[in-house]
C-alpha atoms as a PDB file:
ATOM      1  CA  MET A   1       0.283   0.083  -0.055  1.00  0.00           C
ATOM      2  CA  GLU A   2       2.455   2.145   0.677  1.00  0.00           C
ATOM      3  CA  GLY A   3       4.087   2.521  -2.802  1.00  0.00           C
ATOM      4  CA  LYS A   4       0.550   2.951  -4.277  1.00  0.00           C
ATOM      5  CA  PRO A   5       1.163   6.881  -3.578  1.00  0.00           C
ATOM      6  CA  VAL A   6       4.486   6.920  -5.072  1.00  0.00           C
ATOM      7  CA  LEU A   7       3.074   5.201  -8.331  1.00  0.00           C
ATOM      8  CA  GLU A   8       0.085   7.309  -8.755  1.00  0.00           C
ATOM      9  CA  ASN A   9       2.583  10.428  -8.328  1.00  0.00           C
ATOM     10  CA  LEU A  10       4.787   9.206 -11.281  1.00  0.00           C
ATOM     11  CA  ALA A  11       1.991   8.338 -13.695  1.00  0.00           C
ATOM     12  CA  ASP A  12       0.689  11.845 -13.155  1.00  0.00           C
ATOM     13  CA  GLU A  13       4.163  13.184 -13.717  1.00  0.00           C
ATOM     14  CA  VAL A  14       4.475  11.110 -16.679  1.00  0.00           C
ATOM     15  CA  LYS A  15       0.625  12.104 -18.345  1.00  0.00           C
ATOM     16  CA  ARG A  16       1.803  15.879 -17.495  1.00  0.00           C
ATOM     17  CA  SER A  17       5.437  15.811 -19.124  1.00  0.00           C
ATOM     18  CA  LEU A  18       3.209  13.987 -22.099  1.00  0.00           C
ATOM     19  CA  ARG A  19       0.324  16.851 -22.336  1.00  0.00           C
ATOM     20  CA  SER A  20       2.868  19.303 -22.408  1.00  0.00           C
ATOM     21  CA  TRP A  21       4.388  17.845 -25.238  1.00  0.00           C
ATOM     22  CA  THR A  22       1.376  17.867 -27.277  1.00  0.00           C
ATOM     23  CA  ASP A  23       1.392  21.195 -26.229  1.00  0.00           C
ATOM     24  CA  THR A  24       4.382  21.721 -27.983  1.00  0.00           C
ATOM     25  CA  LEU A  25       4.067  19.622 -30.898  1.00  0.00           C
ATOM     26  CA  ALA A  26       0.560  21.320 -31.501  1.00  0.00           C
ATOM     27  CA  GLY A  27       2.305  24.848 -31.523  1.00  0.00           C
ATOM     28  CA  GLU A  28      -0.249  27.705 -32.408  1.00  0.00           C
ATOM     29  CA  ARG A  29      -2.979  24.690 -32.239  1.00  0.00           C
ATOM     30  CA  ALA A  30      -2.509  24.195 -28.487  1.00  0.00           C
ATOM     31  CA  GLY A  31      -5.170  26.343 -27.481  1.00  0.00           C
ATOM     32  CA  ALA A  32      -8.121  25.149 -29.850  1.00  0.00           C
ATOM     33  CA  LEU A  33      -7.393  21.873 -28.660  1.00  0.00           C
ATOM     34  CA  ARG A  34      -8.632  23.056 -25.028  1.00  0.00           C
ATOM     35  CA  THR A  35     -11.936  23.382 -26.574  1.00  0.00           C
ATOM     36  CA  LEU A  36     -12.536  19.561 -27.376  1.00  0.00           C
ATOM     37  CA  ARG A  37     -15.682  18.169 -25.910  1.00  0.00           C
ATOM     38  CA  ARG A  38     -15.850  17.266 -22.874  1.00  0.00           C
ATOM     39  CA  PRO A  39     -18.874  14.544 -22.460  1.00  0.00           C
ATOM     40  CA  ALA A  40     -17.644  13.220 -19.335  1.00  0.00           C
ATOM     41  CA  ASN A  41     -19.971  12.169 -16.203  1.00  0.00           C
ATOM     42  CA  GLU A  42     -19.135  12.440 -12.290  1.00  0.00           C
ATOM     43  CA  PHE A  43     -15.767  10.403 -12.786  1.00  0.00           C
ATOM     44  CA  GLY A  44     -14.322  12.633 -15.558  1.00  0.00           C
ATOM     45  CA  VAL A  45     -15.201  10.145 -18.363  1.00  0.00           C
ATOM     46  CA  ASP A  46     -18.057   9.470 -20.758  1.00  0.00           C
ATOM     47  CA  ARG A  47     -20.309   6.045 -20.899  1.00  0.00           C
ATOM     48  CA  PHE A  48     -17.418   4.215 -22.723  1.00  0.00           C
ATOM     49  CA  GLY A  49     -14.692   5.302 -20.343  1.00  0.00           C
ATOM     50  CA  PHE A  50     -13.415   7.897 -22.537  1.00  0.00           C
ATOM     51  CA  ASP A  51     -11.373  10.867 -20.928  1.00  0.00           C
ATOM     52  CA  VAL A  52     -10.398  13.967 -22.883  1.00  0.00           C
ATOM     53  CA  ASP A  53      -7.478  15.113 -20.524  1.00  0.00           C
ATOM     54  CA  TYR A  54      -5.901  11.081 -21.108  1.00  0.00           C
ATOM     55  CA  LEU A  55      -6.466  11.363 -24.994  1.00  0.00           C
ATOM     56  CA  LEU A  56      -4.483  14.699 -24.975  1.00  0.00           C
ATOM     57  CA  ALA A  57      -1.756  13.043 -23.106  1.00  0.00           C
ATOM     58  CA  ALA A  58      -1.513  10.228 -25.200  1.00  0.00           C
ATOM     59  CA  ALA A  59      -1.690  11.830 -28.535  1.00  0.00           C
ATOM     60  CA  ALA A  60       1.791  13.155 -27.749  1.00  0.00           C
ATOM     61  CA  PRO A  61       3.769  10.641 -29.527  1.00  0.00           C
ATOM     62  CA  LEU A  62       0.829   9.369 -32.413  1.00  0.00           C
ATOM     63  CA  ILE A  63       1.549  13.662 -33.379  1.00  0.00           C
ATOM     64  CA  TRP A  64       4.822  13.062 -33.734  1.00  0.00           C
ATOM     65  CA  LEU A  65       4.704  10.537 -35.877  1.00  0.00           C
ATOM     66  CA  TYR A  66       1.818  12.543 -37.724  1.00  0.00           C
ATOM     67  CA  LYS A  67       4.234  15.370 -37.988  1.00  0.00           C
ATOM     68  CA  HIS A  68       7.864  14.024 -38.271  1.00  0.00           C
ATOM     69  CA  TYR A  69       7.603  10.199 -39.560  1.00  0.00           C
ATOM     70  CA  PHE A  70       4.621   9.549 -41.803  1.00  0.00           C
ATOM     71  CA  ARG A  71       4.224  13.438 -42.720  1.00  0.00           C
ATOM     72  CA  VAL A  72       1.283  13.089 -43.031  1.00  0.00           C
ATOM     73  CA  GLU A  73      -0.871  15.205 -45.739  1.00  0.00           C
ATOM     74  CA  THR A  74      -4.643  15.967 -45.669  1.00  0.00           C
ATOM     75  CA  HIS A  75      -6.865  17.201 -48.661  1.00  0.00           C
ATOM     76  CA  GLY A  76     -10.137  18.062 -48.102  1.00  0.00           C
ATOM     77  CA  ILE A  77     -10.641  17.590 -44.365  1.00  0.00           C
ATOM     78  CA  GLU A  78     -13.206  20.905 -44.182  1.00  0.00           C
ATOM     79  CA  LYS A  79     -15.521  18.853 -46.173  1.00  0.00           C
ATOM     80  CA  VAL A  80     -16.570  16.806 -42.783  1.00  0.00           C
ATOM     81  CA  PRO A  81     -19.798  17.861 -41.401  1.00  0.00           C
ATOM     82  CA  LYS A  82     -19.900  19.050 -37.733  1.00  0.00           C
ATOM     83  CA  GLY A  83     -22.398  16.805 -35.988  1.00  0.00           C
ATOM     84  CA  ARG A  84     -22.770  12.998 -36.444  1.00  0.00           C
ATOM     85  CA  VAL A  85     -20.801  11.716 -38.839  1.00  0.00           C
ATOM     86  CA  LEU A  86     -19.026   8.225 -40.248  1.00  0.00           C
ATOM     87  CA  LEU A  87     -15.961   8.408 -41.411  1.00  0.00           C
ATOM     88  CA  VAL A  88     -15.085   5.235 -43.506  1.00  0.00           C
ATOM     89  CA  ALA A  89     -11.748   4.644 -45.173  1.00  0.00           C
ATOM     90  CA  ASN A  90      -9.881   1.632 -46.581  1.00  0.00           C
ATOM     91  CA  HIS A  91      -7.775  -0.027 -43.729  1.00  0.00           C
ATOM     92  CA  GLY A  92      -3.929  -1.872 -44.558  1.00  0.00           C
ATOM     93  CA  GLY A  93      -0.927  -1.749 -42.855  1.00  0.00           C
ATOM     94  CA  GLN A  94      -0.608  -4.412 -40.050  1.00  0.00           C
ATOM     95  CA  LEU A  95      -0.890  -1.951 -37.067  1.00  0.00           C
ATOM     96  CA  PRO A  96      -3.690   0.332 -37.096  1.00  0.00           C
ATOM     97  CA  PHE A  97      -1.685   3.825 -37.746  1.00  0.00           C
ATOM     98  CA  ASP A  98      -3.911   4.492 -40.102  1.00  0.00           C
ATOM     99  CA  GLY A  99      -7.081   5.102 -37.812  1.00  0.00           C
ATOM    100  CA  ALA A 100      -4.741   7.034 -35.442  1.00  0.00           C
ATOM    101  CA  MET A 101      -3.543   9.426 -38.536  1.00  0.00           C
ATOM    102  CA  VAL A 102      -7.325   9.912 -39.254  1.00  0.00           C
ATOM    103  CA  GLY A 103      -8.040  10.553 -35.500  1.00  0.00           C
ATOM    104  CA  ILE A 104      -4.680  12.939 -35.427  1.00  0.00           C
ATOM    105  CA  SER A 105      -5.610  14.896 -38.683  1.00  0.00           C
ATOM    106  CA  MET A 106      -9.265  15.768 -36.845  1.00  0.00           C
ATOM    107  CA  LEU A 107      -7.564  17.377 -33.608  1.00  0.00           C
ATOM    108  CA  LEU A 108      -4.868  19.099 -36.064  1.00  0.00           C
ATOM    109  CA  GLU A 109      -6.410  20.386 -38.882  1.00  0.00           C
ATOM    110  CA  ALA A 110     -10.144  20.274 -38.395  1.00  0.00           C
ATOM    111  CA  ASN A 111     -11.706  23.554 -37.203  1.00  0.00           C
ATOM    112  CA  PRO A 112     -13.137  22.610 -34.898  1.00  0.00           C
ATOM    113  CA  PRO A 113     -10.914  20.157 -33.673  1.00  0.00           C
ATOM    114  CA  ARG A 114     -12.811  16.845 -33.399  1.00  0.00           C
ATOM    115  CA  ALA A 115     -11.796  13.647 -31.247  1.00  0.00           C
ATOM    116  CA  VAL A 116     -12.958  10.550 -33.438  1.00  0.00           C
ATOM    117  CA  ARG A 117     -13.821   7.268 -32.035  1.00  0.00           C
ATOM    118  CA  SER A 118     -13.041   4.403 -33.810  1.00  0.00           C
ATOM    119  CA  MET A 119     -14.768   1.278 -34.027  1.00  0.00           C
ATOM    120  CA  THR A 120     -11.878  -1.341 -33.021  1.00  0.00           C
ATOM    121  CA  GLU A 121     -11.696  -5.211 -33.368  1.00  0.00           C
ATOM    122  CA  LYS A 122     -13.464  -7.516 -30.264  1.00  0.00           C
ATOM    123  CA  TRP A 123     -10.444  -9.053 -29.659  1.00  0.00           C
ATOM    124  CA  ALA A 124      -8.332  -5.650 -28.915  1.00  0.00           C
ATOM    125  CA  ALA A 125     -10.640  -5.292 -25.526  1.00  0.00           C
ATOM    126  CA  THR A 126      -9.266  -8.571 -24.411  1.00  0.00           C
ATOM    127  CA  LEU A 127      -5.336  -7.351 -24.619  1.00  0.00           C
ATOM    128  CA  PRO A 128      -3.842  -6.439 -21.108  1.00  0.00           C
ATOM    129  CA  PHE A 129      -3.174  -2.411 -21.405  1.00  0.00           C
ATOM    130  CA  VAL A 130      -4.282  -2.099 -24.327  1.00  0.00           C
ATOM    131  CA  SER A 131      -8.059  -1.715 -23.766  1.00  0.00           C
ATOM    132  CA  THR A 132      -7.426   0.590 -21.302  1.00  0.00           C
ATOM    133  CA  VAL A 133      -5.338   2.695 -23.453  1.00  0.00           C
ATOM    134  CA  PHE A 134      -8.012   2.317 -26.368  1.00  0.00           C
ATOM    135  CA  ALA A 135     -10.972   3.035 -23.616  1.00  0.00           C
ATOM    136  CA  ARG A 136      -9.478   6.246 -22.458  1.00  0.00           C
ATOM    137  CA  SER A 137      -8.198   7.512 -25.801  1.00  0.00           C
ATOM    138  CA  GLY A 138     -12.019   7.003 -26.915  1.00  0.00           C
ATOM    139  CA  GLN A 139     -11.831   4.035 -29.058  1.00  0.00           C
ATOM    140  CA  ILE A 140     -14.853   1.629 -28.972  1.00  0.00           C
ATOM    141  CA  VAL A 141     -15.407  -1.864 -29.407  1.00  0.00           C
ATOM    142  CA  GLY A 142     -17.444  -2.110 -32.596  1.00  0.00           C
ATOM    143  CA  THR A 143     -21.199  -3.194 -31.552  1.00  0.00           C
ATOM    144  CA  PRO A 144     -23.914  -1.453 -33.021  1.00  0.00           C
ATOM    145  CA  GLU A 145     -25.405  -0.706 -30.114  1.00  0.00           C
ATOM    146  CA  ASN A 146     -22.073   1.206 -29.185  1.00  0.00           C
ATOM    147  CA  CYS A 147     -21.831   2.629 -32.627  1.00  0.00           C
ATOM    148  CA  ARG A 148     -25.321   3.701 -32.370  1.00  0.00           C
ATOM    149  CA  ARG A 149     -24.999   5.592 -29.202  1.00  0.00           C
ATOM    150  CA  LEU A 150     -21.940   7.516 -29.907  1.00  0.00           C
ATOM    151  CA  LEU A 151     -23.680   8.765 -33.203  1.00  0.00           C
ATOM    152  CA  GLU A 152     -26.996   9.878 -31.255  1.00  0.00           C
ATOM    153  CA  ALA A 153     -24.646  12.058 -29.050  1.00  0.00           C
ATOM    154  CA  ASP A 154     -23.416  13.959 -32.389  1.00  0.00           C
ATOM    155  CA  GLU A 155     -19.982  12.043 -32.632  1.00  0.00           C
ATOM    156  CA  ALA A 156     -17.461  11.438 -35.425  1.00  0.00           C
ATOM    157  CA  VAL A 157     -17.278   7.975 -35.643  1.00  0.00           C
ATOM    158  CA  MET A 158     -14.420   6.447 -37.487  1.00  0.00           C
ATOM    159  CA  VAL A 159     -15.323   2.353 -39.369  1.00  0.00           C
ATOM    160  CA  PHE A 160     -13.076   0.581 -41.797  1.00  0.00           C
ATOM    161  CA  PRO A 161     -15.342  -1.903 -43.084  1.00  0.00           C
ATOM    162  CA  GLU A 162     -13.007  -4.199 -44.781  1.00  0.00           C
ATOM    163  CA  GLY A 163     -11.615  -4.893 -41.029  1.00  0.00           C
ATOM    164  CA  VAL A 164      -8.941  -7.865 -40.443  1.00  0.00           C
ATOM    165  CA  ARG A 165      -9.438  -8.257 -44.311  1.00  0.00           C
ATOM    166  CA  GLY A 166      -7.826  -5.169 -44.791  1.00  0.00           C
ATOM    167  CA  ILE A 167      -5.459  -4.429 -42.233  1.00  0.00           C
ATOM    168  CA  SER A 168      -3.780  -8.000 -42.920  1.00  0.00           C
ATOM    169  CA  LYS A 169      -3.406  -7.555 -46.543  1.00  0.00           C
ATOM    170  CA  LEU A 170      -0.339  -9.102 -48.005  1.00  0.00           C
ATOM    171  CA  TRP A 171       1.928  -6.927 -50.150  1.00  0.00           C
ATOM    172  CA  PRO A 172       0.211  -8.040 -53.667  1.00  0.00           C
ATOM    173  CA  GLN A 173      -3.223  -6.664 -52.754  1.00  0.00           C
ATOM    174  CA  ARG A 174      -2.213  -3.165 -51.756  1.00  0.00           C
ATOM    175  CA  TYR A 175      -5.293  -0.640 -52.443  1.00  0.00           C
ATOM    176  CA  GLN A 176      -7.438  -3.134 -53.478  1.00  0.00           C
ATOM    177  CA  LEU A 177     -10.393  -2.621 -51.191  1.00  0.00           C
ATOM    178  CA  GLN A 178     -11.795  -6.264 -49.749  1.00  0.00           C
ATOM    179  CA  ASP A 179     -15.068  -7.180 -48.828  1.00  0.00           C
ATOM    180  CA  PHE A 180     -17.184  -4.057 -47.140  1.00  0.00           C
ATOM    181  CA  GLY A 181     -19.478  -5.378 -44.383  1.00  0.00           C
ATOM    182  CA  LEU A 182     -23.053  -3.984 -44.258  1.00  0.00           C
ATOM    183  CA  GLY A 183     -23.111  -2.700 -40.786  1.00  0.00           C
ATOM    184  CA  PHE A 184     -22.716   0.646 -41.073  1.00  0.00           C
ATOM    185  CA  MET A 185     -24.699   1.685 -43.919  1.00  0.00           C
ATOM    186  CA  ARG A 186     -27.654   0.272 -41.585  1.00  0.00           C
ATOM    187  CA  LEU A 187     -26.599   2.542 -38.792  1.00  0.00           C
ATOM    188  CA  ALA A 188     -26.020   5.723 -41.120  1.00  0.00           C
ATOM    189  CA  LEU A 189     -29.734   5.079 -42.063  1.00  0.00           C
ATOM    190  CA  GLU A 190     -31.208   3.990 -38.996  1.00  0.00           C
ATOM    191  CA  THR A 191     -29.264   7.457 -37.531  1.00  0.00           C
ATOM    192  CA  ALA A 192     -29.599   9.781 -40.300  1.00  0.00           C
ATOM    193  CA  THR A 193     -25.435  10.243 -40.433  1.00  0.00           C
ATOM    194  CA  PRO A 194     -23.541  11.600 -43.626  1.00  0.00           C
ATOM    195  CA  ILE A 195     -20.666   9.122 -44.328  1.00  0.00           C
ATOM    196  CA  VAL A 196     -17.545  10.802 -45.470  1.00  0.00           C
ATOM    197  CA  PRO A 197     -14.930   8.776 -47.650  1.00  0.00           C
ATOM    198  CA  ILE A 198     -11.442   8.749 -46.574  1.00  0.00           C
ATOM    199  CA  GLY A 199      -9.038   7.481 -48.912  1.00  0.00           C
ATOM    200  CA  ILE A 200      -5.722   6.235 -47.419  1.00  0.00           C
ATOM    201  CA  ILE A 201      -2.391   6.508 -49.087  1.00  0.00           C
ATOM    202  CA  GLY A 202       0.665   5.557 -47.117  1.00  0.00           C
ATOM    203  CA  ALA A 203      -0.776   2.855 -44.963  1.00  0.00           C
ATOM    204  CA  GLU A 204      -0.392   0.021 -46.968  1.00  0.00           C
ATOM    205  CA  GLU A 205       3.678   0.149 -47.558  1.00  0.00           C
ATOM    206  CA  GLN A 206       4.246   0.706 -44.224  1.00  0.00           C
ATOM    207  CA  ALA A 207       4.715  -3.269 -43.520  1.00  0.00           C
ATOM    208  CA  PRO A 208       4.701  -5.274 -46.300  1.00  0.00           C
ATOM    209  CA  ALA A 209       3.542  -9.021 -45.453  1.00  0.00           C
ATOM    210  CA  LEU A 210       4.539 -11.424 -47.784  1.00  0.00           C
ATOM    211  CA  LEU A 211       2.643 -14.623 -45.633  1.00  0.00           C
ATOM    212  CA  ASN A 212      -0.378 -14.461 -43.319  1.00  0.00           C
ATOM    213  CA  LEU A 213      -0.153 -16.841 -40.150  1.00  0.00           C
ATOM    214  CA  LYS A 214      -3.784 -17.274 -39.806  1.00  0.00           C
ATOM    215  CA  PRO A 215      -3.944 -20.542 -38.356  1.00  0.00           C
ATOM    216  CA  LEU A 216      -1.184 -19.662 -35.426  1.00  0.00           C
ATOM    217  CA  GLY A 217      -2.485 -16.145 -35.596  1.00  0.00           C
ATOM    218  CA  LYS A 218      -6.051 -18.016 -34.062  1.00  0.00           C
ATOM    219  CA  LEU A 219      -3.545 -20.244 -31.514  1.00  0.00           C
ATOM    220  CA  ILE A 220      -2.521 -17.095 -29.830  1.00  0.00           C
ATOM    221  CA  GLY A 221      -6.239 -15.215 -30.154  1.00  0.00           C
ATOM    222  CA  PHE A 222      -5.287 -13.212 -32.895  1.00  0.00           C
ATOM    223  CA  PRO A 223      -7.693 -12.841 -35.791  1.00  0.00           C
ATOM    224  CA  ALA A 224      -4.669 -13.029 -38.550  1.00  0.00           C
ATOM    225  CA  LEU A 225      -1.201 -13.124 -38.019  1.00  0.00           C
ATOM    226  CA  PRO A 226       0.789 -11.142 -40.970  1.00  0.00           C
ATOM    227  CA  LEU A 227       4.169 -11.794 -41.734  1.00  0.00           C
ATOM    228  CA  THR A 228       6.380  -8.700 -42.587  1.00  0.00           C
ATOM    229  CA  VAL A 229       9.431  -8.193 -43.926  1.00  0.00           C
ATOM    230  CA  THR A 230      10.138  -5.289 -41.862  1.00  0.00           C
ATOM    231  CA  PRO A 231      10.464  -4.970 -37.570  1.00  0.00           C
ATOM    232  CA  LEU A 232       8.587  -1.400 -37.370  1.00  0.00           C
ATOM    233  CA  PRO A 233       6.349   0.211 -39.822  1.00  0.00           C
ATOM    234  CA  LEU A 234       8.630   2.189 -42.583  1.00  0.00           C
ATOM    235  CA  PRO A 235       8.595   6.356 -42.712  1.00  0.00           C
ATOM    236  CA  THR A 236       6.337   6.008 -45.936  1.00  0.00           C
ATOM    237  CA  LYS A 237       4.618   9.133 -46.566  1.00  0.00           C
ATOM    238  CA  TYR A 238       0.924   9.441 -45.455  1.00  0.00           C
ATOM    239  CA  ARG A 239      -1.423  11.106 -47.715  1.00  0.00           C
ATOM    240  CA  LEU A 240      -5.448  11.668 -46.355  1.00  0.00           C
ATOM    241  CA  TYR A 241      -7.864  12.169 -48.877  1.00  0.00           C
ATOM    242  CA  PHE A 242     -11.089  13.383 -47.252  1.00  0.00           C
ATOM    243  CA  GLY A 243     -14.486  13.126 -49.822  1.00  0.00           C
ATOM    244  CA  ASP A 244     -17.488  14.570 -50.123  1.00  0.00           C
ATOM    245  CA  PRO A 245     -20.558  13.491 -47.791  1.00  0.00           C
ATOM    246  CA  LEU A 246     -22.851  10.773 -49.026  1.00  0.00           C
ATOM    247  CA  HIS A 247     -26.476  10.861 -47.961  1.00  0.00           C
ATOM    248  CA  PHE A 248     -28.324   7.829 -48.479  1.00  0.00           C
ATOM    249  CA  THR A 249     -31.985   7.099 -47.437  1.00  0.00           C
ATOM    250  CA  GLY A 250     -33.615   3.877 -47.205  1.00  0.00           C
ATOM    251  CA  LEU A 251     -34.809   1.538 -44.299  1.00  0.00           C
ATOM    252  CA  PRO A 252     -31.838   0.012 -41.785  1.00  0.00           C
ATOM    253  CA  ASP A 253     -33.867  -3.221 -42.384  1.00  0.00           C
ATOM    254  CA  ASP A 254     -33.918  -3.451 -46.134  1.00  0.00           C
ATOM    255  CA  GLU A 255     -33.316  -6.546 -48.097  1.00  0.00           C
ATOM    256  CA  ASP A 256     -28.761  -6.889 -48.358  1.00  0.00           C
ATOM    257  CA  THR A 257     -29.237  -6.806 -51.559  1.00  0.00           C
ATOM    258  CA  GLU A 258     -30.452  -3.017 -51.317  1.00  0.00           C
ATOM    259  CA  LEU A 259     -27.800  -2.285 -48.374  1.00  0.00           C
ATOM    260  CA  ASP A 260     -24.924  -3.974 -50.899  1.00  0.00           C
ATOM    261  CA  LYS A 261     -26.174  -1.101 -53.570  1.00  0.00           C
ATOM    262  CA  LYS A 262     -25.600   1.903 -50.845  1.00  0.00           C
ATOM    263  CA  VAL A 263     -22.423  -0.151 -49.513  1.00  0.00           C
ATOM    264  CA  ARG A 264     -20.689   0.054 -52.727  1.00  0.00           C
ATOM    265  CA  VAL A 265     -21.216   3.756 -53.569  1.00  0.00           C
ATOM    266  CA  VAL A 266     -19.483   4.292 -50.802  1.00  0.00           C
ATOM    267  CA  LYS A 267     -16.307   1.467 -51.767  1.00  0.00           C
ATOM    268  CA  SER A 268     -16.055   3.038 -55.169  1.00  0.00           C
ATOM    269  CA  ALA A 269     -16.041   6.820 -53.195  1.00  0.00           C
ATOM    270  CA  ILE A 270     -12.844   5.709 -51.751  1.00  0.00           C
ATOM    271  CA  GLN A 271     -11.575   3.533 -54.667  1.00  0.00           C
ATOM    272  CA  SER A 272     -11.693   6.948 -56.635  1.00  0.00           C
ATOM    273  CA  LEU A 273     -10.153   8.543 -53.982  1.00  0.00           C
ATOM    274  CA  LEU A 274      -7.241   6.330 -53.839  1.00  0.00           C
ATOM    275  CA  GLN A 275      -6.557   5.981 -57.734  1.00  0.00           C
ATOM    276  CA  HIS A 276      -6.789   9.601 -57.267  1.00  0.00           C
ATOM    277  CA  GLY A 277      -3.940   9.787 -54.473  1.00  0.00           C
ATOM    278  CA  LEU A 278      -1.936   6.959 -56.123  1.00  0.00           C
ATOM    279  CA  GLU A 279      -1.772   9.038 -59.356  1.00  0.00           C
ATOM    280  CA  GLU A 280      -0.754  11.836 -57.680  1.00  0.00           C
ATOM    281  CA  ARG A 281       1.640  10.397 -55.550  1.00  0.00           C
ATOM    282  CA  LYS A 282       5.491  10.393 -57.024  1.00  0.00           C
ATOM    283  CA  ASN A 283       7.087   8.593 -54.137  1.00  0.00           C
ATOM    284  CA  VAL A 284       5.883   6.241 -51.174  1.00  0.00           C
ATOM    285  CA  PHE A 285       8.395   7.870 -48.896  1.00  0.00           C
ATOM    286  CA  TRP A 286       8.240  11.820 -49.907  1.00  0.00           C
END
C-alpha cells in the first residue's frame, strides 16, 4: 500500500509531461485543443471510459509520428460536416496507424478540432493494457449498439468496413479494397448520419506482408498473423483524402441486396480517392 502513492505520482508526472509535449508539438493549435468537447460524467469520463485529458496526453507520440515520421498531408478535411458523421476508409498496414493518423488529423487540421471515436475489433478489448489505453482515448469495441449511441450523441465515428481483411492484406493486395460489411450502412440509415469516404495513401506500404500465418494467429488469440519483412513500420509518407459527404435514404432493415447497392457507392468513392492519390503520388516516401 505504501507504494501506491508513489506509482500514482509517477503516473501523474508522466501524464503531465506527455500533455506538455502535445502542446509543444501542436504549436498554435494547442489552444484549440483545449476547446475539445468533454462528454464526461462525475468521474471525468463518458459512458465508454473516454477521457479527453487522457487523449490529449496519449496523443503526443502520435502527433510526433504524424508530423515527423509519416509526415501526413491532409486534403479535403473541411468537407467533414459538423455533428454526427461516419468516417469510412480503407484499411491496411498490419498495425492501425492509419486510424490513428486520421484521428490526429481531426485534432490538428479540423476546425474546430474533434475527437474521433474509432470502432475496434472485439479481440482488441481482450488485450491487457491496450484495452484500457483504447477506452481512455475514445476507441470503442465495434458493436452496433456502441456505434449507435455515439452517433446519437453527435460524435465523429471512424469505421473500417474491411475489418481484419483490410489490415492483414498481403503485399500484392495493397489498395485493393476487400469486401465491405453492411453494418455501417444500416447504422447510417437508422441514425440519418452522413458518410465521409476517406482514401488513405501510405499505410499499405508501411509494413509489407508476404504471408499470413492465420492458423498460428488463432492459436494465440489473434484473427490474423501477417508475416512482415520489417520489424517496425517504414516511414512512408501518408496522404489522407477526405471525400464529399454521402447521404443515403432507405430503411436500415432493407434486404441485404438493397444495402449492398449503397455500400458499393461508398466503396467506389473510396476507390476513386485512392486512385487519385496514387496517381498524384510520385514516391512512397516523400
